Protein backbone atom coordinates (compact mmCIF):
# COMPACT_ATOMS: atom_id res chain seq x y z
CA UNK A 1 90.79 112.74 94.40
CA UNK A 2 93.49 111.42 96.66
CA UNK A 3 94.68 108.03 96.16
CA UNK A 4 93.74 104.94 98.35
CA UNK A 5 95.83 101.97 97.58
CA UNK A 6 95.30 98.71 99.52
CA UNK A 7 97.73 96.03 99.68
CA UNK A 8 97.20 92.42 99.75
CA UNK A 9 99.55 89.36 99.47
CA UNK A 10 98.33 86.88 96.77
CA UNK A 11 97.37 83.66 98.61
CA UNK A 12 96.80 85.08 102.12
CA UNK A 13 95.16 83.80 104.16
CA UNK A 14 93.87 81.37 101.53
CA UNK A 15 92.96 82.01 98.02
CA UNK A 16 89.15 81.65 98.49
CA UNK A 17 89.19 84.27 101.28
CA UNK A 18 91.05 86.63 99.47
CA UNK A 19 89.24 86.52 96.37
CA UNK A 20 85.89 86.92 98.35
CA UNK A 21 87.36 90.05 99.84
CA UNK A 22 88.53 91.50 96.65
CA UNK A 23 85.15 91.06 95.11
CA UNK A 24 83.09 92.82 97.96
CA UNK A 25 85.72 95.80 97.93
CA UNK A 26 84.12 99.10 96.63
CA UNK A 27 85.98 99.93 93.40
CA UNK A 28 84.75 103.42 93.48
CA UNK A 29 86.56 103.81 96.98
CA UNK A 30 90.17 102.98 95.72
CA UNK A 31 92.31 104.17 93.09
CA UNK A 32 95.29 101.64 92.76
CA UNK A 33 95.86 98.00 94.11
CA UNK A 34 99.33 96.70 95.33
CA UNK A 35 99.74 92.91 95.03
CA UNK A 36 102.41 91.34 97.00
CA UNK A 37 103.58 88.52 95.13
CA UNK A 38 104.63 85.76 97.87
CA UNK A 39 108.22 86.03 98.48
CA UNK A 40 110.98 83.65 99.98
CA UNK A 41 112.82 86.58 101.87
CA UNK A 42 110.66 89.73 102.28
CA UNK A 43 113.24 91.08 104.18
CA UNK A 44 112.01 94.81 104.22
CA UNK A 45 108.37 93.72 105.50
CA UNK A 46 107.48 93.48 109.01
CA UNK A 47 106.58 90.48 111.26
CA UNK A 48 102.78 90.83 109.85
CA UNK A 49 103.49 91.04 106.24
CA UNK A 50 106.42 88.34 106.49
CA UNK A 51 103.93 85.79 107.85
CA UNK A 52 101.41 86.51 104.84
CA UNK A 53 104.36 85.81 102.35
CA UNK A 54 105.06 82.45 104.29
CA UNK A 55 101.49 81.46 103.78
CA UNK A 56 100.85 82.89 100.30
CA UNK A 57 103.94 80.98 98.82
CA UNK A 58 102.02 77.70 99.73
CA UNK A 59 98.55 78.85 98.42
CA UNK A 60 99.09 81.23 95.43
CA UNK A 61 97.83 80.10 91.98
CA UNK A 62 97.73 82.80 89.24
CA UNK A 63 94.69 80.80 87.41
CA UNK A 64 92.43 81.70 90.32
CA UNK A 65 93.14 85.48 89.94
CA UNK A 66 93.27 85.90 86.41
CA UNK A 67 89.59 87.13 86.26
CA UNK A 68 89.99 89.15 89.17
CA UNK A 69 93.01 91.04 87.52
CA UNK A 70 90.55 91.32 84.37
CA UNK A 71 88.15 92.89 86.67
CA UNK A 72 89.91 95.52 88.18
CA UNK A 73 91.43 96.51 85.14
CA UNK A 74 88.11 96.87 83.45
CA UNK A 75 87.26 99.32 86.61
CA UNK A 76 90.08 101.33 85.73
CA UNK A 77 91.89 100.29 88.92
CA UNK A 78 95.57 100.38 88.23
CA UNK A 79 97.18 97.60 89.60
CA UNK A 80 101.01 97.13 90.75
CA UNK A 81 103.18 94.23 91.80
CA UNK A 82 105.35 94.37 94.83
CA UNK A 83 108.02 91.67 94.23
CA UNK A 84 111.51 91.33 95.69
CA UNK A 85 114.25 91.33 93.08
CA UNK A 86 116.10 88.60 94.90
CA UNK A 87 113.06 86.28 93.60
CA UNK A 88 112.49 87.66 90.21
CA UNK A 89 115.77 88.34 88.97
CA UNK A 90 116.52 84.94 87.50
CA UNK A 91 113.18 85.22 85.33
CA UNK A 92 113.02 89.14 85.47
CA UNK A 93 112.04 89.74 81.73
CA UNK A 94 109.60 86.65 81.76
CA UNK A 95 108.01 87.97 85.05
CA UNK A 96 107.51 91.77 83.57
CA UNK A 97 105.90 90.21 80.43
CA UNK A 98 103.51 88.06 82.65
CA UNK A 99 102.72 91.24 84.75
CA UNK A 100 101.66 93.09 81.64
CA UNK A 101 99.52 90.05 80.43
CA UNK A 102 97.60 90.44 83.59
CA UNK A 103 97.19 94.19 82.81
CA UNK A 104 99.68 95.42 85.65
CA UNK A 105 100.75 99.04 85.22
CA UNK A 106 103.86 98.80 87.46
CA UNK A 107 106.35 97.35 90.01
CA UNK A 108 107.64 98.15 93.30
CA UNK A 109 110.94 96.44 94.08
CA UNK A 110 111.80 97.05 97.66
CA UNK A 111 115.36 95.55 97.60
CA UNK A 112 116.50 96.60 94.26
CA UNK A 113 118.14 99.93 95.29
CA UNK A 114 119.28 98.57 98.88
CA UNK A 115 120.74 95.22 97.69
CA UNK A 116 121.21 95.30 94.04
CA UNK A 117 121.93 99.15 93.42
CA UNK A 118 124.77 98.37 90.83
CA UNK A 119 121.85 96.92 88.92
CA UNK A 120 119.33 99.60 89.45
CA UNK A 121 119.68 101.69 86.72
CA UNK A 122 119.88 99.30 83.92
CA UNK A 123 116.39 97.55 85.57
CA UNK A 124 114.74 100.70 85.52
CA UNK A 125 115.50 101.84 82.20
CA UNK A 126 114.46 98.24 80.81
CA UNK A 127 111.07 98.91 82.51
CA UNK A 128 110.98 102.26 80.95
CA UNK A 129 111.84 100.94 77.31
CA UNK A 130 108.69 98.29 77.87
CA UNK A 131 106.37 100.89 78.94
CA UNK A 132 106.22 99.50 82.71
CA UNK A 133 106.06 101.97 85.50
CA UNK A 134 108.96 101.74 88.20
CA UNK A 135 107.60 102.80 91.60
CA UNK A 136 110.40 104.07 93.46
CA UNK A 137 110.27 103.03 97.46
CA UNK A 138 112.10 105.03 100.04
CA UNK A 139 112.07 105.49 103.54
CA UNK A 140 113.73 108.06 106.13
CA UNK A 141 116.70 105.78 106.00
CA UNK A 142 117.39 106.25 102.28
CA UNK A 143 120.09 108.64 101.70
CA UNK A 144 118.99 111.94 100.01
CA UNK A 145 121.36 111.46 96.90
CA UNK A 146 119.82 107.95 96.25
CA UNK A 147 116.07 109.43 96.33
CA UNK A 148 117.16 112.06 93.99
CA UNK A 149 119.02 110.00 91.54
CA UNK A 150 116.72 107.22 91.37
CA UNK A 151 113.54 109.55 91.10
CA UNK A 152 115.11 111.00 88.01
CA UNK A 153 114.82 107.78 86.25
CA UNK A 154 111.19 107.72 86.48
CA UNK A 155 107.91 109.74 86.16
CA UNK A 156 105.99 107.68 88.55
CA UNK A 157 104.39 108.05 91.64
CA UNK A 158 106.66 107.75 94.61
CA UNK A 159 106.26 105.40 97.53
CA UNK A 160 107.42 106.54 100.78
CA UNK A 161 107.47 104.83 103.97
CA UNK A 162 107.12 106.45 107.19
CA UNK A 163 108.74 103.38 109.03
CA UNK A 164 111.59 101.22 108.05
CA UNK A 165 109.28 98.43 107.37
CA UNK A 166 105.59 97.55 107.74
CA UNK A 167 104.37 96.70 111.25
CA UNK A 168 107.40 98.51 112.70
CA UNK A 169 106.40 101.29 115.25
CA UNK A 170 109.35 103.80 115.64
CA UNK A 171 108.38 107.34 116.95
CA UNK A 172 108.96 110.02 114.14
CA UNK A 173 108.19 113.45 113.59
CA UNK A 174 105.33 113.75 110.76
CA UNK A 175 105.95 117.43 109.72
CA UNK A 176 109.97 116.64 109.50
CA UNK A 177 109.15 113.65 107.40
CA UNK A 178 106.91 115.17 104.79
CA UNK A 179 109.15 118.44 104.73
CA UNK A 180 111.93 116.27 103.85
CA UNK A 181 110.86 114.37 100.99
CA UNK A 182 108.86 117.37 99.40
CA UNK A 183 111.77 119.51 99.55
CA UNK A 184 113.63 116.69 97.85
CA UNK A 185 111.36 115.94 95.17
CA UNK A 186 109.02 119.02 94.69
CA UNK A 187 105.82 118.49 92.74
CA UNK A 188 106.21 114.82 92.51
CA UNK A 189 103.07 112.58 93.43
CA UNK A 190 103.92 111.14 97.01
CA UNK A 191 101.84 108.16 98.40
CA UNK A 192 102.68 107.43 101.99
CA UNK A 193 102.53 104.04 103.90
CA UNK A 194 104.26 101.95 106.54
CA UNK A 195 103.09 103.15 109.98
CA UNK A 196 99.77 105.12 109.19
CA UNK A 197 97.70 104.65 112.17
CA UNK A 198 95.06 107.30 112.40
CA UNK A 199 92.69 109.35 110.44
CA UNK A 200 94.35 112.50 111.77
CA UNK A 201 97.99 111.12 110.51
CA UNK A 202 96.12 110.62 106.86
CA UNK A 203 94.61 114.34 106.95
CA UNK A 204 98.11 115.61 108.24
CA UNK A 205 99.89 113.83 105.34
CA UNK A 206 97.28 115.09 102.66
CA UNK A 207 97.53 118.59 104.00
CA UNK A 208 101.38 118.42 103.71
CA UNK A 209 100.92 117.60 99.96
CA UNK A 210 100.61 113.82 99.84
CA UNK A 211 98.82 112.34 96.98
CA UNK A 212 97.49 109.38 98.99
CA UNK A 213 98.10 106.48 101.46
CA UNK A 214 98.72 102.70 100.94
CA UNK A 215 97.26 100.29 103.57
CA UNK A 216 98.01 96.81 104.32
CA UNK A 217 99.02 95.26 107.56
CA UNK A 218 95.49 96.15 109.09
CA UNK A 219 93.73 94.77 106.34
CA UNK A 220 95.64 91.55 106.35
CA UNK A 221 94.63 91.05 109.95
CA UNK A 222 91.04 91.66 108.98
CA UNK A 223 91.23 88.81 106.12
CA UNK A 224 92.77 86.55 108.69
CA UNK A 225 89.67 87.07 110.95
CA UNK A 226 87.27 86.81 107.97
CA UNK A 227 86.07 90.34 109.30
CA UNK A 228 84.16 91.48 106.21
CA UNK A 229 82.02 94.15 107.94
CA UNK A 230 85.30 95.61 109.54
CA UNK A 231 87.16 95.37 106.10
CA UNK A 232 84.54 97.53 104.50
CA UNK A 233 84.08 99.91 107.65
CA UNK A 234 87.76 100.58 107.31
CA UNK A 235 87.70 101.09 103.68
CA UNK A 236 85.17 103.69 103.80
CA UNK A 237 86.65 105.38 107.00
CA UNK A 238 89.97 105.83 105.37
CA UNK A 239 88.23 106.94 102.01
CA UNK A 240 86.50 109.44 104.20
CA UNK A 241 89.71 110.96 105.73
CA UNK A 242 91.41 111.09 102.50
CA UNK A 243 88.47 113.02 101.06
CA UNK A 244 88.34 115.64 103.98
């Protein structure tokens, strides 16, 4: 079964709306969940997701989500935090302990291998020793050597962005992009995100060996409009494209 990974920024557009959408989301249609912990500087996200961080910073209250995190864990939905190292570095160990206490399986750290590369190996090794998955995030701009070297440090799935950041629309050649990452990391579980627009894109990515897709910006816009029916229809449509 191909993986469907919805993304949500915690606290956006407000806690009540987000919790409502999380409760109506069909757990039998998704595999993992990606939760963005609001950042003061989400520099590698596009304008849509950056705005969600700004609002999420004002709203997020962990106590409101504790039961929902437990609900997804009980339904065997693996949860991953997307967190910026610039935010969590001063309290890194405590933050990882907190995520584990909330039944998260791992963490995606977009700025780790870009702005803090000298600390990346020690950070990833710490996560490995604590039984917590580090999910490498790469894009077409990531040098081959870094992709290979960082991937050797973890057995987890790989998050590969088709665009430099969310909500950015730069022309790219899908076949070339997938051939490159597959040749660098043969046999690895590759999940694609950033710039997936159509069901045909999804079908092509899966035929090229992709293990799944992450979707975020489009969902966040539906939450902002309180569009429950559109949200559910979109989840079902993406699930259908993956299953096809």
